Amino acid sequence: MRTMTATEVSRNFASVLDRAEHGETIVITRGGRRLATLAPAPAGNGAAIRGFLASHRVDDDFVDDVASAREGITDEMSATWHDG
């Protein structure tokens, strides 16, 4: 795990993203205090969840609840990205 100051990260952002893409975790500090951690995003395409759901009995209410939650998240994210 590498530690960098916020200034170093801002000056070398593309390089920092490359490091994270290649599996490195970077702790970002400001004023000597830990501010954030930048780590690789977990890889996955939902196959594990689909496999779990396929092997367990799922009732229609659950399917409706998941669909409703997904719509809410999509609507909320859309509003966040389009606010000026």
N, C-alpha and C. Protein backbone atom coordinates (compact mmCIF):
# COMPACT_ATOMS: atom_id res chain seq x y z
N MET A 1 0.85 -1.17 0.00
CA MET A 1 0.00 0.00 0.00
C MET A 1 0.90 1.23 0.00
N ARG A 2 0.60 2.14 -0.88
CA ARG A 2 1.38 3.36 -1.04
C ARG A 2 0.64 4.52 -0.38
N THR A 3 1.38 5.45 0.20
CA THR A 3 0.79 6.66 0.78
C THR A 3 1.25 7.86 -0.02
N MET A 4 0.30 8.72 -0.37
CA MET A 4 0.60 9.94 -1.12
C MET A 4 -0.19 11.09 -0.53
N THR A 5 0.36 12.29 -0.64
CA THR A 5 -0.40 13.47 -0.20
C THR A 5 -1.43 13.82 -1.26
N ALA A 6 -2.43 14.56 -0.86
CA ALA A 6 -3.47 15.00 -1.80
C ALA A 6 -2.84 15.81 -2.94
N THR A 7 -1.84 16.60 -2.64
CA THR A 7 -1.16 17.39 -3.67
C THR A 7 -0.47 16.48 -4.68
N GLU A 8 0.24 15.45 -4.18
CA GLU A 8 0.90 14.51 -5.08
C GLU A 8 -0.11 13.81 -5.98
N VAL A 9 -1.23 13.41 -5.39
CA VAL A 9 -2.27 12.73 -6.17
C VAL A 9 -2.81 13.65 -7.25
N SER A 10 -3.09 14.90 -6.88
CA SER A 10 -3.67 15.82 -7.87
C SER A 10 -2.69 16.11 -9.02
N ARG A 11 -1.41 16.15 -8.72
CA ARG A 11 -0.41 16.43 -9.76
C ARG A 11 -0.13 15.22 -10.65
N ASN A 12 -0.45 14.03 -10.15
CA ASN A 12 -0.13 12.80 -10.88
C ASN A 12 -1.35 11.90 -11.03
N PHE A 13 -2.52 12.51 -11.21
CA PHE A 13 -3.76 11.75 -11.13
C PHE A 13 -3.82 10.59 -12.13
N ALA A 14 -3.43 10.82 -13.36
CA ALA A 14 -3.49 9.74 -14.37
C ALA A 14 -2.60 8.57 -13.94
N SER A 15 -1.44 8.86 -13.42
CA SER A 15 -0.52 7.82 -12.97
C SER A 15 -1.10 7.07 -11.76
N VAL A 16 -1.73 7.81 -10.87
CA VAL A 16 -2.36 7.19 -9.68
C VAL A 16 -3.48 6.25 -10.13
N LEU A 17 -4.28 6.68 -11.08
CA LEU A 17 -5.34 5.80 -11.60
C LEU A 17 -4.76 4.56 -12.25
N ASP A 18 -3.66 4.71 -12.97
CA ASP A 18 -2.99 3.56 -13.58
C ASP A 18 -2.54 2.57 -12.51
N ARG A 19 -1.99 3.08 -11.41
CA ARG A 19 -1.55 2.21 -10.31
C ARG A 19 -2.73 1.44 -9.73
N ALA A 20 -3.84 2.14 -9.52
CA ALA A 20 -5.03 1.47 -8.98
C ALA A 20 -5.55 0.43 -9.96
N GLU A 21 -5.52 0.77 -11.23
CA GLU A 21 -5.98 -0.17 -12.25
C GLU A 21 -5.16 -1.45 -12.24
N HIS A 22 -3.90 -1.33 -11.86
CA HIS A 22 -3.01 -2.50 -11.82
C HIS A 22 -2.95 -3.15 -10.44
N GLY A 23 -3.91 -2.81 -9.56
CA GLY A 23 -4.04 -3.53 -8.30
C GLY A 23 -3.48 -2.85 -7.07
N GLU A 24 -2.91 -1.67 -7.20
CA GLU A 24 -2.31 -1.01 -6.05
C GLU A 24 -3.37 -0.20 -5.29
N THR A 25 -3.24 -0.18 -3.98
CA THR A 25 -4.09 0.64 -3.12
C THR A 25 -3.27 1.84 -2.66
N ILE A 26 -3.84 3.03 -2.76
CA ILE A 26 -3.15 4.26 -2.40
C ILE A 26 -3.91 4.94 -1.27
N VAL A 27 -3.20 5.24 -0.18
CA VAL A 27 -3.78 6.01 0.92
C VAL A 27 -3.44 7.47 0.66
N ILE A 28 -4.45 8.33 0.68
CA ILE A 28 -4.26 9.75 0.39
C ILE A 28 -4.33 10.51 1.72
N THR A 29 -3.33 11.35 1.94
CA THR A 29 -3.27 12.11 3.19
C THR A 29 -3.31 13.61 2.92
N ARG A 30 -3.73 14.33 3.93
CA ARG A 30 -3.69 15.80 3.89
C ARG A 30 -3.32 16.26 5.30
N GLY A 31 -2.29 17.04 5.40
CA GLY A 31 -1.85 17.51 6.70
C GLY A 31 -1.44 16.38 7.63
N GLY A 32 -0.93 15.29 7.05
CA GLY A 32 -0.49 14.16 7.85
C GLY A 32 -1.60 13.22 8.30
N ARG A 33 -2.84 13.53 7.94
CA ARG A 33 -3.97 12.68 8.33
C ARG A 33 -4.48 11.91 7.13
N ARG A 34 -4.90 10.67 7.38
CA ARG A 34 -5.49 9.87 6.31
C ARG A 34 -6.80 10.50 5.89
N LEU A 35 -6.93 10.74 4.61
CA LEU A 35 -8.11 11.40 4.07
C LEU A 35 -8.99 10.42 3.30
N ALA A 36 -8.35 9.56 2.51
CA ALA A 36 -9.11 8.64 1.65
C ALA A 36 -8.22 7.49 1.25
N THR A 37 -8.86 6.46 0.74
CA THR A 37 -8.15 5.33 0.18
C THR A 37 -8.67 5.10 -1.23
N LEU A 38 -7.74 5.01 -2.17
CA LEU A 38 -8.09 4.72 -3.57
C LEU A 38 -7.63 3.30 -3.84
N ALA A 39 -8.56 2.46 -4.23
CA ALA A 39 -8.24 1.05 -4.45
C ALA A 39 -8.88 0.58 -5.74
N PRO A 40 -8.40 -0.53 -6.27
CA PRO A 40 -8.99 -1.07 -7.50
C PRO A 40 -10.47 -1.41 -7.26
N ALA A 41 -11.28 -1.14 -8.25
CA ALA A 41 -12.70 -1.50 -8.17
C ALA A 41 -12.83 -3.01 -8.31
N PRO A 42 -13.73 -3.61 -7.55
CA PRO A 42 -13.90 -5.05 -7.70
C PRO A 42 -14.43 -5.39 -9.09
N ALA A 43 -13.88 -6.43 -9.64
CA ALA A 43 -14.32 -6.88 -10.96
C ALA A 43 -15.50 -7.82 -10.79
N GLY A 44 -16.43 -7.73 -11.68
CA GLY A 44 -17.57 -8.63 -11.62
C GLY A 44 -18.63 -8.22 -12.61
N ASN A 45 -19.34 -9.20 -13.07
CA ASN A 45 -20.38 -8.91 -14.04
C ASN A 45 -21.75 -9.36 -13.53
N GLY A 46 -21.83 -9.70 -12.27
CA GLY A 46 -23.09 -10.13 -11.70
C GLY A 46 -23.33 -11.62 -11.79
N ALA A 47 -22.38 -12.37 -12.35
CA ALA A 47 -22.58 -13.81 -12.51
C ALA A 47 -22.76 -14.52 -11.17
N ALA A 48 -22.02 -14.09 -10.15
CA ALA A 48 -22.14 -14.73 -8.83
C ALA A 48 -23.54 -14.51 -8.25
N ILE A 49 -24.05 -13.30 -8.42
CA ILE A 49 -25.39 -13.01 -7.90
C ILE A 49 -26.43 -13.79 -8.69
N ARG A 50 -26.30 -13.81 -10.00
CA ARG A 50 -27.25 -14.58 -10.82
C ARG A 50 -27.21 -16.06 -10.43
N GLY A 51 -26.01 -16.60 -10.19
CA GLY A 51 -25.87 -17.99 -9.79
C GLY A 51 -26.53 -18.26 -8.45
N PHE A 52 -26.34 -17.35 -7.51
CA PHE A 52 -26.97 -17.50 -6.20
C PHE A 52 -28.49 -17.49 -6.33
N LEU A 53 -28.99 -16.51 -7.06
CA LEU A 53 -30.45 -16.40 -7.21
C LEU A 53 -31.02 -17.60 -7.96
N ALA A 54 -30.28 -18.13 -8.92
CA ALA A 54 -30.76 -19.29 -9.68
C ALA A 54 -30.83 -20.54 -8.79
N SER A 55 -29.96 -20.60 -7.79
CA SER A 55 -29.94 -21.79 -6.93
C SER A 55 -30.86 -21.67 -5.72
N HIS A 56 -31.52 -20.53 -5.56
CA HIS A 56 -32.44 -20.33 -4.43
C HIS A 56 -33.81 -19.92 -4.97
N ARG A 57 -34.80 -20.32 -4.25
CA ARG A 57 -36.17 -19.97 -4.66
C ARG A 57 -36.42 -18.50 -4.37
N VAL A 58 -36.82 -17.78 -5.38
CA VAL A 58 -37.08 -16.34 -5.25
C VAL A 58 -38.54 -16.10 -5.58
N ASP A 59 -39.26 -15.46 -4.66
CA ASP A 59 -40.67 -15.21 -4.93
C ASP A 59 -40.86 -13.94 -5.76
N ASP A 60 -42.05 -13.78 -6.30
CA ASP A 60 -42.33 -12.65 -7.19
C ASP A 60 -42.19 -11.30 -6.47
N ASP A 61 -42.53 -11.26 -5.18
CA ASP A 61 -42.40 -10.00 -4.43
C ASP A 61 -40.95 -9.55 -4.39
N PHE A 62 -40.03 -10.49 -4.21
CA PHE A 62 -38.61 -10.15 -4.17
C PHE A 62 -38.17 -9.58 -5.52
N VAL A 63 -38.57 -10.22 -6.59
CA VAL A 63 -38.21 -9.74 -7.93
C VAL A 63 -38.74 -8.33 -8.14
N ASP A 64 -39.98 -8.07 -7.73
CA ASP A 64 -40.57 -6.74 -7.86
C ASP A 64 -39.81 -5.72 -7.01
N ASP A 65 -39.42 -6.12 -5.79
CA ASP A 65 -38.68 -5.22 -4.91
C ASP A 65 -37.33 -4.84 -5.52
N VAL A 66 -36.63 -5.80 -6.09
CA VAL A 66 -35.34 -5.53 -6.72
C VAL A 66 -35.51 -4.60 -7.92
N ALA A 67 -36.50 -4.87 -8.73
CA ALA A 67 -36.76 -4.02 -9.90
C ALA A 67 -37.07 -2.59 -9.46
N SER A 68 -37.87 -2.44 -8.42
CA SER A 68 -38.22 -1.13 -7.91
C SER A 68 -36.99 -0.40 -7.36
N ALA A 69 -36.14 -1.13 -6.64
CA ALA A 69 -34.93 -0.52 -6.09
C ALA A 69 -34.00 -0.07 -7.21
N ARG A 70 -33.87 -0.89 -8.25
CA ARG A 70 -33.01 -0.52 -9.38
C ARG A 70 -33.52 0.72 -10.07
N GLU A 71 -34.82 0.83 -10.24
CA GLU A 71 -35.39 2.03 -10.88
C GLU A 71 -35.10 3.26 -10.04
N GLY A 72 -35.25 3.13 -8.72
CA GLY A 72 -34.97 4.26 -7.83
C GLY A 72 -33.53 4.70 -7.89
N ILE A 73 -32.62 3.75 -7.92
CA ILE A 73 -31.20 4.08 -8.00
C ILE A 73 -30.89 4.74 -9.33
N THR A 74 -31.42 4.20 -10.42
CA THR A 74 -31.19 4.77 -11.74
C THR A 74 -31.73 6.19 -11.80
N ASP A 75 -32.93 6.42 -11.28
CA ASP A 75 -33.52 7.75 -11.28
C ASP A 75 -32.69 8.72 -10.45
N GLU A 76 -32.24 8.26 -9.27
CA GLU A 76 -31.45 9.11 -8.39
C GLU A 76 -30.11 9.46 -9.03
N MET A 77 -29.45 8.47 -9.62
CA MET A 77 -28.16 8.72 -10.27
C MET A 77 -28.33 9.65 -11.46
N SER A 78 -29.39 9.47 -12.21
CA SER A 78 -29.64 10.32 -13.37
C SER A 78 -29.82 11.77 -12.92
N ALA A 79 -30.58 11.97 -11.85
CA ALA A 79 -30.80 13.32 -11.34
C ALA A 79 -29.51 13.93 -10.85
N THR A 80 -28.66 13.15 -10.21
CA THR A 80 -27.39 13.64 -9.69
C THR A 80 -26.49 14.09 -10.82
N TRP A 81 -26.40 13.30 -11.87
CA TRP A 81 -25.49 13.62 -12.97
C TRP A 81 -25.99 14.77 -13.83
N HIS A 82 -27.28 15.01 -13.85
CA HIS A 82 -27.81 16.04 -14.74
C HIS A 82 -28.08 17.36 -14.04
N ASP A 83 -27.90 17.41 -12.73
CA ASP A 83 -28.08 18.69 -12.03
C ASP A 83 -26.97 19.65 -12.42
N GLY A 84 -27.32 20.86 -12.64
CA GLY A 84 -26.34 21.85 -13.09
C GLY A 84 -25.66 22.48 -11.98
